[in-house]
C-alpha atoms as a PDB file:
ATOM      1  CA  MET A   1      29.144 -21.013   8.314  1.00  0.00           C
ATOM      2  CA  ASN A   2      29.619 -18.620   5.536  1.00  0.00           C
ATOM      3  CA  ALA A   3      28.670 -21.208   2.993  1.00  0.00           C
ATOM      4  CA  GLU A   4      25.127 -21.173   4.461  1.00  0.00           C
ATOM      5  CA  LEU A   5      24.762 -17.496   4.256  1.00  0.00           C
ATOM      6  CA  GLY A   6      23.104 -15.632   1.468  1.00  0.00           C
ATOM      7  CA  SER A   7      24.988 -12.862  -0.089  1.00  0.00           C
ATOM      8  CA  LEU A   8      23.151  -9.896   1.639  1.00  0.00           C
ATOM      9  CA  GLU A   9      23.895 -11.432   5.152  1.00  0.00           C
ATOM     10  CA  LEU A  10      27.311 -12.104   4.121  1.00  0.00           C
ATOM     11  CA  ALA A  11      27.960  -8.637   2.788  1.00  0.00           C
ATOM     12  CA  LEU A  12      26.646  -7.032   5.945  1.00  0.00           C
ATOM     13  CA  ARG A  13      28.637  -9.439   8.351  1.00  0.00           C
ATOM     14  CA  ASN A  14      31.700  -8.519   6.371  1.00  0.00           C
ATOM     15  CA  ARG A  15      31.340  -4.932   7.096  1.00  0.00           C
ATOM     16  CA  CYS A  16      30.500  -5.302  10.668  1.00  0.00           C
ATOM     17  CA  ALA A  17      33.009  -8.010  11.376  1.00  0.00           C
ATOM     18  CA  GLY A  18      35.731  -5.388  12.352  1.00  0.00           C
ATOM     19  CA  GLY A  19      33.140  -3.151  14.367  1.00  0.00           C
ATOM     20  CA  GLU A  20      32.240  -1.068  11.298  1.00  0.00           C
ATOM     21  CA  LYS A  21      28.757  -0.248  10.568  1.00  0.00           C
ATOM     22  CA  ALA A  22      26.344  -1.184   7.417  1.00  0.00           C
ATOM     23  CA  LEU A  23      24.797   1.349   5.142  1.00  0.00           C
ATOM     24  CA  VAL A  24      21.806   0.275   2.996  1.00  0.00           C
ATOM     25  CA  PRO A  25      20.161   2.994   1.012  1.00  0.00           C
ATOM     26  CA  TYR A  26      16.640   2.687  -0.174  1.00  0.00           C
ATOM     27  CA  LEU A  27      15.891   3.900  -3.717  1.00  0.00           C
ATOM     28  CA  THR A  28      12.562   3.790  -5.536  1.00  0.00           C
ATOM     29  CA  GLY A  29      12.646   1.580  -8.781  1.00  0.00           C
ATOM     30  CA  GLY A  30      11.588   3.322 -12.013  1.00  0.00           C
ATOM     31  CA  LEU A  31      12.011   6.820 -10.671  1.00  0.00           C
ATOM     32  CA  GLY A  32      14.014   9.198 -12.665  1.00  0.00           C
ATOM     33  CA  LYS A  33      17.668   8.198 -13.178  1.00  0.00           C
ATOM     34  CA  TRP A  34      17.084   5.411 -10.518  1.00  0.00           C
ATOM     35  CA  GLN A  35      19.591   2.972 -12.085  1.00  0.00           C
ATOM     36  CA  GLU A  36      22.544   5.540 -12.127  1.00  0.00           C
ATOM     37  CA  CYS A  37      21.629   6.486  -8.550  1.00  0.00           C
ATOM     38  CA  LEU A  38      21.874   2.874  -7.567  1.00  0.00           C
ATOM     39  CA  ALA A  39      25.611   2.870  -9.021  1.00  0.00           C
ATOM     40  CA  ALA A  40      26.508   6.255  -7.280  1.00  0.00           C
ATOM     41  CA  ALA A  41      25.104   4.946  -3.919  1.00  0.00           C
ATOM     42  CA  VAL A  42      27.589   1.968  -4.334  1.00  0.00           C
ATOM     43  CA  ASP A  43      30.606   4.074  -5.356  1.00  0.00           C
ATOM     44  CA  SER A  44      30.011   6.244  -2.213  1.00  0.00           C
ATOM     45  CA  GLY A  45      30.060   3.361   0.137  1.00  0.00           C
ATOM     46  CA  ALA A  46      26.708   1.621   0.291  1.00  0.00           C
ATOM     47  CA  ASP A  47      27.075  -1.967   1.406  1.00  0.00           C
ATOM     48  CA  ALA A  48      23.812  -3.284  -0.063  1.00  0.00           C
ATOM     49  CA  LEU A  49      20.744  -1.700  -1.842  1.00  0.00           C
ATOM     50  CA  GLU A  50      17.188  -1.881  -1.261  1.00  0.00           C
ATOM     51  CA  VAL A  51      15.183  -1.027  -4.223  1.00  0.00           C
ATOM     52  CA  GLY A  52      11.464  -0.207  -3.878  1.00  0.00           C
ATOM     53  CA  ILE A  53       9.111  -1.824  -6.429  1.00  0.00           C
ATOM     54  CA  PRO A  54       6.680   0.819  -6.740  1.00  0.00           C
ATOM     55  CA  PHE A  55       3.105   0.044  -5.541  1.00  0.00           C
ATOM     56  CA  SER A  56      -0.410   2.031  -5.828  1.00  0.00           C
ATOM     57  CA  ASP A  57      -0.968   1.682  -1.753  1.00  0.00           C
ATOM     58  CA  PRO A  58       2.331   1.829   0.213  1.00  0.00           C
ATOM     59  CA  VAL A  59       0.810   1.610   3.677  1.00  0.00           C
ATOM     60  CA  MET A  60       4.262   1.681   5.375  1.00  0.00           C
ATOM     61  CA  ASP A  61       5.584   4.683   3.734  1.00  0.00           C
ATOM     62  CA  GLY A  62       5.102   8.505   4.304  1.00  0.00           C
ATOM     63  CA  PRO A  63       4.449  11.312   1.714  1.00  0.00           C
ATOM     64  CA  VAL A  64       7.980  11.272   0.297  1.00  0.00           C
ATOM     65  CA  ILE A  65       8.000   7.664  -0.724  1.00  0.00           C
ATOM     66  CA  GLN A  66       4.231   7.699  -1.680  1.00  0.00           C
ATOM     67  CA  GLU A  67       5.130  10.527  -4.026  1.00  0.00           C
ATOM     68  CA  ALA A  68       7.970   8.621  -5.541  1.00  0.00           C
ATOM     69  CA  ASN A  69       5.698   5.519  -6.008  1.00  0.00           C
ATOM     70  CA  GLN A  70       3.059   7.429  -7.830  1.00  0.00           C
ATOM     71  CA  ARG A  71       5.619   9.383 -10.038  1.00  0.00           C
ATOM     72  CA  ALA A  72       7.102   5.924 -11.041  1.00  0.00           C
ATOM     73  CA  LEU A  73       3.785   4.553 -11.672  1.00  0.00           C
ATOM     74  CA  SER A  74       2.826   7.344 -13.803  1.00  0.00           C
ATOM     75  CA  VAL A  75       5.588   6.980 -16.081  1.00  0.00           C
ATOM     76  CA  GLY A  76       4.979   3.199 -16.614  1.00  0.00           C
ATOM     77  CA  ALA A  77       7.124   1.489 -13.857  1.00  0.00           C
ATOM     78  CA  THR A  78       6.099  -2.221 -13.606  1.00  0.00           C
ATOM     79  CA  PRO A  79       7.380  -4.972 -11.224  1.00  0.00           C
ATOM     80  CA  LEU A  80       8.490  -6.796 -14.110  1.00  0.00           C
ATOM     81  CA  GLY A  81      10.155  -3.625 -15.622  1.00  0.00           C
ATOM     82  CA  VAL A  82      12.089  -2.823 -12.374  1.00  0.00           C
ATOM     83  CA  LEU A  83      13.147  -6.551 -11.871  1.00  0.00           C
ATOM     84  CA  ASN A  84      14.289  -6.711 -15.642  1.00  0.00           C
ATOM     85  CA  ALA A  85      16.254  -3.538 -15.207  1.00  0.00           C
ATOM     86  CA  LEU A  86      17.903  -4.929 -12.214  1.00  0.00           C
ATOM     87  CA  SER A  87      18.838  -8.281 -14.005  1.00  0.00           C
ATOM     88  CA  LYS A  88      21.024  -5.898 -16.420  1.00  0.00           C
ATOM     89  CA  LEU A  89      22.984  -4.114 -13.737  1.00  0.00           C
ATOM     90  CA  ASP A  90      25.930  -5.059 -12.077  1.00  0.00           C
ATOM     91  CA  VAL A  91      26.469  -2.812  -9.186  1.00  0.00           C
ATOM     92  CA  GLY A  92      28.808  -5.142  -7.130  1.00  0.00           C
ATOM     93  CA  VAL A  93      26.694  -5.282  -3.872  1.00  0.00           C
ATOM     94  CA  PRO A  94      23.650  -7.264  -2.933  1.00  0.00           C
ATOM     95  CA  ILE A  95      20.267  -5.856  -3.830  1.00  0.00           C
ATOM     96  CA  ALA A  96      17.016  -6.478  -1.636  1.00  0.00           C
ATOM     97  CA  VAL A  97      13.624  -5.397  -3.024  1.00  0.00           C
ATOM     98  CA  MET A  98      10.991  -3.940  -1.046  1.00  0.00           C
ATOM     99  CA  THR A  99       7.412  -4.149  -1.778  1.00  0.00           C
ATOM    100  CA  TYR A 100       4.027  -5.389  -0.676  1.00  0.00           C
ATOM    101  CA  TYR A 101       2.461  -8.896  -0.450  1.00  0.00           C
ATOM    102  CA  ASN A 102      -0.010  -7.902  -3.077  1.00  0.00           C
ATOM    103  CA  ILE A 103       2.664  -7.998  -5.788  1.00  0.00           C
ATOM    104  CA  ALA A 104       4.048 -11.285  -4.632  1.00  0.00           C
ATOM    105  CA  PHE A 105       0.648 -12.980  -4.454  1.00  0.00           C
ATOM    106  CA  ARG A 106      -0.585 -11.746  -7.915  1.00  0.00           C
ATOM    107  CA  PHE A 107       2.683 -13.226  -9.263  1.00  0.00           C
ATOM    108  CA  GLY A 108       2.264 -16.300  -7.412  1.00  0.00           C
ATOM    109  CA  LEU A 109       4.664 -16.809  -4.640  1.00  0.00           C
ATOM    110  CA  GLU A 110       6.856 -19.450  -6.264  1.00  0.00           C
ATOM    111  CA  ARG A 111       6.928 -17.632  -9.593  1.00  0.00           C
ATOM    112  CA  PHE A 112       7.696 -14.245  -7.905  1.00  0.00           C
ATOM    113  CA  ALA A 113      10.530 -15.884  -5.787  1.00  0.00           C
ATOM    114  CA  ALA A 114      11.914 -17.350  -9.046  1.00  0.00           C
ATOM    115  CA  VAL A 115      11.772 -14.172 -10.970  1.00  0.00           C
ATOM    116  CA  LEU A 116      13.653 -12.307  -8.168  1.00  0.00           C
ATOM    117  CA  ALA A 117      16.465 -15.006  -8.114  1.00  0.00           C
ATOM    118  CA  SER A 118      16.792 -15.064 -11.877  1.00  0.00           C
ATOM    119  CA  CYS A 119      17.028 -11.136 -11.848  1.00  0.00           C
ATOM    120  CA  GLY A 120      20.047 -11.482  -9.506  1.00  0.00           C
ATOM    121  CA  VAL A 121      17.863 -10.066  -6.406  1.00  0.00           C
ATOM    122  CA  ALA A 122      19.461 -11.319  -3.275  1.00  0.00           C
ATOM    123  CA  ALA A 123      16.537 -10.700  -0.825  1.00  0.00           C
ATOM    124  CA  ALA A 124      13.025  -9.334  -0.258  1.00  0.00           C
ATOM    125  CA  ILE A 125      11.322  -7.261   2.171  1.00  0.00           C
ATOM    126  CA  LEU A 126       7.391  -7.635   2.145  1.00  0.00           C
ATOM    127  CA  ALA A 127       6.426  -4.766   4.424  1.00  0.00           C
ATOM    128  CA  ASP A 128       2.813  -5.780   5.152  1.00  0.00           C
ATOM    129  CA  LEU A 129       3.307  -9.496   5.514  1.00  0.00           C
ATOM    130  CA  PRO A 130       3.017 -10.553   9.215  1.00  0.00           C
ATOM    131  CA  LEU A 131       5.011 -13.265  10.633  1.00  0.00           C
ATOM    132  CA  GLU A 132       2.079 -15.468  11.117  1.00  0.00           C
ATOM    133  CA  GLU A 133       1.217 -15.520   7.582  1.00  0.00           C
ATOM    134  CA  ALA A 134       4.723 -15.560   6.347  1.00  0.00           C
ATOM    135  CA  ASP A 135       5.335 -19.284   5.877  1.00  0.00           C
ATOM    136  CA  PRO A 136       4.262 -19.711   2.368  1.00  0.00           C
ATOM    137  CA  TRP A 137       6.243 -17.028   1.006  1.00  0.00           C
ATOM    138  CA  VAL A 138       9.225 -17.775   3.187  1.00  0.00           C
ATOM    139  CA  GLN A 139       9.231 -21.391   2.026  1.00  0.00           C
ATOM    140  CA  ALA A 140       9.105 -20.282  -1.698  1.00  0.00           C
ATOM    141  CA  ALA A 141      11.848 -17.770  -1.099  1.00  0.00           C
ATOM    142  CA  ASP A 142      14.046 -20.488   0.787  1.00  0.00           C
ATOM    143  CA  ALA A 143      13.655 -22.735  -2.099  1.00  0.00           C
ATOM    144  CA  ALA A 144      14.588 -20.062  -4.934  1.00  0.00           C
ATOM    145  CA  GLY A 145      17.585 -18.817  -2.748  1.00  0.00           C
ATOM    146  CA  VAL A 146      16.018 -15.453  -1.937  1.00  0.00           C
ATOM    147  CA  GLU A 147      16.527 -14.182   1.589  1.00  0.00           C
ATOM    148  CA  THR A 148      13.615 -12.886   3.524  1.00  0.00           C
ATOM    149  CA  VAL A 149      14.083  -9.832   5.691  1.00  0.00           C
ATOM    150  CA  LEU A 150      11.457  -9.539   8.312  1.00  0.00           C
ATOM    151  CA  LEU A 151      10.513  -6.220  10.184  1.00  0.00           C
ATOM    152  CA  ALA A 152      10.561  -6.076  13.936  1.00  0.00           C
ATOM    153  CA  ALA A 153       8.297  -3.278  15.422  1.00  0.00           C
ATOM    154  CA  PRO A 154       9.020  -1.554  18.525  1.00  0.00           C
ATOM    155  CA  THR A 155       5.655  -2.708  20.162  1.00  0.00           C
ATOM    156  CA  ALA A 156       6.387  -6.504  19.579  1.00  0.00           C
ATOM    157  CA  SER A 157       6.794  -8.754  22.747  1.00  0.00           C
ATOM    158  CA  ASP A 158      10.112 -10.176  23.423  1.00  0.00           C
ATOM    159  CA  GLU A 159       8.845 -13.597  22.342  1.00  0.00           C
ATOM    160  CA  ARG A 160       7.611 -12.396  18.891  1.00  0.00           C
ATOM    161  CA  LEU A 161      10.942 -10.621  18.536  1.00  0.00           C
ATOM    162  CA  GLY A 162      12.712 -13.963  19.099  1.00  0.00           C
ATOM    163  CA  ARG A 163      10.674 -15.641  16.322  1.00  0.00           C
ATOM    164  CA  ILE A 164      11.275 -12.771  13.973  1.00  0.00           C
ATOM    165  CA  CYS A 165      14.879 -13.074  14.320  1.00  0.00           C
ATOM    166  CA  GLU A 166      14.894 -16.772  13.833  1.00  0.00           C
ATOM    167  CA  ARG A 167      13.039 -16.611  10.655  1.00  0.00           C
ATOM    168  CA  SER A 168      14.514 -13.345   9.200  1.00  0.00           C
ATOM    169  CA  ARG A 169      17.416 -13.935   6.416  1.00  0.00           C
ATOM    170  CA  GLY A 170      19.841 -11.229   5.371  1.00  0.00           C
ATOM    171  CA  PHE A 171      19.375  -9.022   8.346  1.00  0.00           C
ATOM    172  CA  VAL A 172      16.628  -8.298  11.119  1.00  0.00           C
ATOM    173  CA  TYR A 173      15.159  -4.864  10.190  1.00  0.00           C
ATOM    174  CA  GLY A 174      14.323  -2.985  13.204  1.00  0.00           C
ATOM    175  CA  VAL A 175      11.638  -0.529  12.743  1.00  0.00           C
ATOM    176  CA  GLY A 176      12.667   2.620  14.315  1.00  0.00           C
ATOM    177  CA  LEU A 177       9.376   4.339  15.560  1.00  0.00           C
ATOM    178  CA  LEU A 178       5.539   3.781  15.193  1.00  0.00           C
ATOM    179  CA  GLY A 179       4.211   5.286  12.158  1.00  0.00           C
ATOM    180  CA  VAL A 180       5.151   5.671   8.229  1.00  0.00           C
ATOM    181  CA  THR A 181       8.608   6.374   6.662  1.00  0.00           C
ATOM    182  CA  GLY A 182      10.009   9.837   6.740  1.00  0.00           C
ATOM    183  CA  VAL A 183      12.641  12.092   7.916  1.00  0.00           C
ATOM    184  CA  ARG A 184      12.195  13.492  11.400  1.00  0.00           C
ATOM    185  CA  SER A 185      13.818  16.401  13.358  1.00  0.00           C
ATOM    186  CA  SER A 186      15.325  13.934  15.799  1.00  0.00           C
ATOM    187  CA  LEU A 187      15.767  10.126  16.308  1.00  0.00           C
ATOM    188  CA  ALA A 188      12.986   8.475  18.400  1.00  0.00           C
ATOM    189  CA  GLU A 189      14.142   6.823  21.597  1.00  0.00           C
ATOM    190  CA  SER A 190      12.241   3.498  20.136  1.00  0.00           C
ATOM    191  CA  ALA A 191      15.202   3.361  17.442  1.00  0.00           C
ATOM    192  CA  THR A 192      17.847   2.686  19.793  1.00  0.00           C
ATOM    193  CA  ALA A 193      15.580   0.579  22.096  1.00  0.00           C
ATOM    194  CA  ILE A 194      14.465  -1.833  19.295  1.00  0.00           C
ATOM    195  CA  ALA A 195      18.064  -2.194  18.186  1.00  0.00           C
ATOM    196  CA  ALA A 196      19.002  -3.272  21.754  1.00  0.00           C
ATOM    197  CA  ARG A 197      16.101  -5.657  22.097  1.00  0.00           C
ATOM    198  CA  LEU A 198      17.033  -7.302  18.869  1.00  0.00           C
ATOM    199  CA  LYS A 199      20.869  -7.403  19.439  1.00  0.00           C
ATOM    200  CA  ALA A 200      19.989  -9.243  22.719  1.00  0.00           C
ATOM    201  CA  ARG A 201      18.385 -11.997  20.547  1.00  0.00           C
ATOM    202  CA  THR A 202      20.300 -12.770  17.641  1.00  0.00           C
ATOM    203  CA  HIS A 203      23.684 -12.756  15.994  1.00  0.00           C
ATOM    204  CA  LYS A 204      22.470 -11.797  12.770  1.00  0.00           C
ATOM    205  CA  PRO A 205      23.034  -8.188  11.467  1.00  0.00           C
ATOM    206  CA  VAL A 206      20.647  -5.849  13.115  1.00  0.00           C
ATOM    207  CA  LEU A 207      19.798  -2.706  11.116  1.00  0.00           C
ATOM    208  CA  VAL A 208      17.291   0.092  11.843  1.00  0.00           C
ATOM    209  CA  GLY A 209      15.146   1.933   9.531  1.00  0.00           C
ATOM    210  CA  VAL A 210      12.007   4.251   9.474  1.00  0.00           C
ATOM    211  CA  GLY A 211      12.962   7.531  10.937  1.00  0.00           C
ATOM    212  CA  VAL A 212      16.506   7.400  10.499  1.00  0.00           C
ATOM    213  CA  GLY A 213      16.809  10.537   8.019  1.00  0.00           C
ATOM    214  CA  THR A 214      20.161  12.293   8.867  1.00  0.00           C
ATOM    215  CA  PRO A 215      23.654  11.266   9.181  1.00  0.00           C
ATOM    216  CA  GLU A 216      23.694  12.451  12.841  1.00  0.00           C
ATOM    217  CA  GLN A 217      20.727  10.161  13.542  1.00  0.00           C
ATOM    218  CA  ALA A 218      22.359   7.309  11.629  1.00  0.00           C
ATOM    219  CA  GLN A 219      25.406   7.641  13.770  1.00  0.00           C
ATOM    220  CA  GLN A 220      23.102   7.655  17.077  1.00  0.00           C
ATOM    221  CA  VAL A 221      21.273   4.598  16.103  1.00  0.00           C
ATOM    222  CA  CYS A 222      24.542   2.885  15.395  1.00  0.00           C
ATOM    223  CA  SER A 223      25.773   3.277  18.614  1.00  0.00           C
ATOM    224  CA  VAL A 224      23.539   0.114  19.160  1.00  0.00           C
ATOM    225  CA  ALA A 225      22.699  -1.254  15.815  1.00  0.00           C
ATOM    226  CA  ASP A 226      24.710  -2.928  13.168  1.00  0.00           C
ATOM    227  CA  GLY A 227      23.726  -0.603  10.489  1.00  0.00           C
ATOM    228  CA  VAL A 228      20.945   1.711   9.091  1.00  0.00           C
ATOM    229  CA  VAL A 229      18.551   1.591   6.264  1.00  0.00           C
ATOM    230  CA  VAL A 230      17.910   5.210   5.078  1.00  0.00           C
ATOM    231  CA  GLY A 231      15.048   5.615   2.890  1.00  0.00           C
ATOM    232  CA  SER A 232      12.901   8.987   2.725  1.00  0.00           C
ATOM    233  CA  ALA A 233      16.217  11.188   2.769  1.00  0.00           C
ATOM    234  CA  MET A 234      17.421   9.319  -0.269  1.00  0.00           C
ATOM    235  CA  VAL A 235      14.046   9.332  -2.077  1.00  0.00           C
ATOM    236  CA  ARG A 236      13.582  13.036  -1.426  1.00  0.00           C
ATOM    237  CA  CYS A 237      17.097  13.792  -2.905  1.00  0.00           C
ATOM    238  CA  MET A 238      16.047  11.695  -6.018  1.00  0.00           C
ATOM    239  CA  LEU A 239      12.556  13.690  -6.170  1.00  0.00           C
ATOM    240  CA  GLU A 240      14.125  17.271  -5.848  1.00  0.00           C
ATOM    241  CA  HIS A 241      17.355  16.610  -8.051  1.00  0.00           C
ATOM    242  CA  ASN A 242      17.101  13.410 -10.003  1.00  0.00           C
ATOM    243  CA  ASP A 243      21.019  13.581  -9.973  1.00  0.00           C
ATOM    244  CA  PRO A 244      23.194  10.654  -9.364  1.00  0.00           C
ATOM    245  CA  ILE A 245      25.938  12.904  -8.153  1.00  0.00           C
ATOM    246  CA  ALA A 246      23.693  14.630  -5.391  1.00  0.00           C
ATOM    247  CA  LEU A 247      22.610  11.022  -4.470  1.00  0.00           C
ATOM    248  CA  GLY A 248      26.174   9.990  -4.174  1.00  0.00           C
ATOM    249  CA  GLU A 249      27.262  13.009  -2.048  1.00  0.00           C
ATOM    250  CA  LEU A 250      24.242  12.099   0.107  1.00  0.00           C
ATOM    251  CA  VAL A 251      25.202   8.540   0.682  1.00  0.00           C
ATOM    252  CA  GLY A 252      28.826   9.748   1.115  1.00  0.00           C
ATOM    253  CA  LYS A 253      27.753  11.953   4.182  1.00  0.00           C
ATOM    254  CA  PHE A 254      25.912   8.847   5.737  1.00  0.00           C
ATOM    255  CA  ARG A 255      28.982   6.586   5.312  1.00  0.00           C
ATOM    256  CA  GLN A 256      31.224   9.147   6.688  1.00  0.00           C
ATOM    257  CA  SER A 257      28.847   9.536   9.657  1.00  0.00           C
ATOM    258  CA  LEU A 258      28.918   5.935  10.356  1.00  0.00           C
ATOM    259  CA  SER A 259      32.832   5.801  10.709  1.00  0.00           C
ATOM    260  CA  PHE A 260      32.396   7.551  13.937  1.00  0.00           C
ATOM    261  CA  ALA A 261      29.684   5.346  15.155  1.00  0.00           C
ATOM    262  CA  SER A 262      30.663   2.822  17.965  1.00  0.00           C
END
């Protein structure tokens, strides 16, 4: 079976095989010392990385990631610039890019998938692309060897979750709450609920993101999920410190917390 898996799913499965939990930090491409931060995240225990390609209207994201997008765009970040930089990195773990469908559409779906593959990107998350309209992109991505990670909302029906699980590659991304990304004071009950519903429907890795902002919340959701995607907390660290050491220390705290999740 491993020969059929993409590098992202294989890396996450390898982490989870012994009962451990996967950690995927999200960092905004083009923001400050983002390339050094990627390396620091890996050194501190990240199993894979999610890199945001800045977009002017990031509708899924809250104030922190919106600000990061605007800062990156204001200093000239472009999709090709971010991808070309990724092509020169060798961080040692799979990289998924996260962006919005407009960017893929403007590239042309086949071209965008081919560029991702040529830059060494393992997977893509197009946050505003619904399942019902995903086939053209998914087919282009499959042909290029790029894993398409699909989002599963807590409001989805059981039948819809089954179809999302069937079509997702790399992992299934459980959205932890209704609303935009951001650090909250407590973990929403919907985070563990969506993890449990997805785990009942797939053997693929199930990771939860959106609303998982502290090591304690990550540990809590990983009592059910296979791992977490942590975005706003990481990006806030980038905005406030622009320091790979500080970012690495934060990733290390999340990594340590997951060692106690079961």
